[in-house]
């Protein structure tokens, strides 16, 4: 829905990036871009944070903490913590 407007395309692309990581989280790594993204990336991250990024990251942290209770859940908890990192501020990060 975000990709239907020109203004929403950057946020829609970040949603697709997160969706790909949620579907296949194992064996992938989140790294920060070394390029100079400037203040546009910071502004987009702030808008993302206010429109649901903080809530999404909090949910991933809670599920990660719940999964650390069992030994079987620890690998899944690590993936939730990785998702919490990128779901809070996805602009300026790439997935390898």
Protein backbone atom coordinates (compact mmCIF):
# COMPACT_ATOMS: atom_id res chain seq x y z
CA UNK A 1 0.00 0.00 0.00
CA UNK A 2 2.89 2.35 0.71
CA UNK A 3 4.37 1.84 -2.76
CA UNK A 4 1.25 3.26 -4.43
CA UNK A 5 2.36 6.83 -3.79
CA UNK A 6 5.65 8.46 -4.68
CA UNK A 7 6.07 9.72 -1.12
CA UNK A 8 5.52 6.27 0.39
CA UNK A 9 7.94 4.34 -1.84
CA UNK A 10 10.98 4.60 0.51
CA UNK A 11 8.97 3.24 3.43
CA UNK A 12 7.42 0.53 1.26
CA UNK A 13 10.86 -0.64 0.16
CA UNK A 14 11.95 -0.88 3.79
CA UNK A 15 8.86 -2.98 4.53
CA UNK A 16 9.85 -5.37 1.72
CA UNK A 17 13.39 -5.52 3.13
CA UNK A 18 12.02 -6.42 6.57
CA UNK A 19 9.63 -8.98 5.09
CA UNK A 20 12.49 -10.77 3.34
CA UNK A 21 14.43 -10.92 6.60
CA UNK A 22 11.40 -12.16 8.55
CA UNK A 23 10.80 -14.97 6.04
CA UNK A 24 14.43 -16.16 5.99
CA UNK A 25 16.26 -14.82 9.08
CA UNK A 26 18.89 -17.54 9.53
CA UNK A 27 22.24 -17.03 7.85
CA UNK A 28 21.66 -13.34 7.18
CA UNK A 29 23.40 -10.39 8.76
CA UNK A 30 22.33 -6.76 9.21
CA UNK A 31 25.08 -4.21 8.62
CA UNK A 32 25.10 -0.43 8.50
CA UNK A 33 25.87 1.26 5.20
CA UNK A 34 29.23 2.94 5.11
CA UNK A 35 28.00 5.39 2.47
CA UNK A 36 27.12 8.96 3.29
CA UNK A 37 23.31 8.87 3.51
CA UNK A 38 23.08 12.28 5.14
CA UNK A 39 20.22 13.71 7.06
CA UNK A 40 17.54 12.25 4.77
CA UNK A 41 18.14 8.79 6.22
CA UNK A 42 17.92 10.21 9.74
CA UNK A 43 14.66 12.01 8.94
CA UNK A 44 13.15 8.87 7.41
CA UNK A 45 14.24 6.82 10.44
CA UNK A 46 12.58 9.30 12.81
CA UNK A 47 9.32 9.15 10.83
CA UNK A 48 9.57 5.34 10.79
CA UNK A 49 10.19 5.28 14.54
CA UNK A 50 7.17 7.44 15.30
CA UNK A 51 4.84 5.53 12.97
CA UNK A 52 5.35 2.08 14.42
CA UNK A 53 9.03 1.22 14.43
CA UNK A 54 9.36 1.54 18.19
CA UNK A 55 6.34 -0.68 18.78
CA UNK A 56 7.61 -3.32 16.36
CA UNK A 57 11.07 -3.35 17.94
CA UNK A 58 9.53 -3.66 21.40
CA UNK A 59 7.45 -6.65 20.29
CA UNK A 60 10.55 -8.37 18.90
CA UNK A 61 12.45 -7.76 22.14
CA UNK A 62 9.59 -9.17 24.24
CA UNK A 63 9.33 -12.29 22.07
CA UNK A 64 13.10 -12.65 22.14
CA UNK A 65 13.10 -12.55 25.92
CA UNK A 66 10.28 -15.10 26.08
CA UNK A 67 12.13 -17.44 23.74
CA UNK A 68 15.30 -17.36 25.82
CA UNK A 69 13.51 -19.30 28.55
CA UNK A 70 14.09 -22.61 26.75
CA UNK A 71 17.25 -23.93 25.16
CA UNK A 72 15.43 -24.70 21.90
CA UNK A 73 14.16 -21.11 21.68
CA UNK A 74 17.58 -19.42 21.96
CA UNK A 75 18.37 -19.43 18.20
CA UNK A 76 14.95 -17.98 17.50
CA UNK A 77 15.45 -15.37 20.21
CA UNK A 78 18.69 -14.28 18.55
CA UNK A 79 16.79 -13.77 15.30
CA UNK A 80 14.16 -11.69 17.11
CA UNK A 81 16.88 -9.46 18.57
CA UNK A 82 18.32 -9.04 15.06
CA UNK A 83 14.86 -8.11 13.79
CA UNK A 84 14.42 -5.64 16.65
CA UNK A 85 17.59 -3.85 15.60
CA UNK A 86 16.54 -3.38 12.00
CA UNK A 87 12.85 -2.79 12.68
CA UNK A 88 13.63 0.21 14.85
CA UNK A 89 15.69 2.09 12.24
CA UNK A 90 15.82 0.33 8.84
CA UNK A 91 17.10 3.21 6.71
CA UNK A 92 20.85 3.09 6.21
CA UNK A 93 21.13 -0.68 6.84
CA UNK A 94 21.60 -3.53 4.43
CA UNK A 95 21.01 -7.26 4.76
CA UNK A 96 23.77 -9.62 3.69
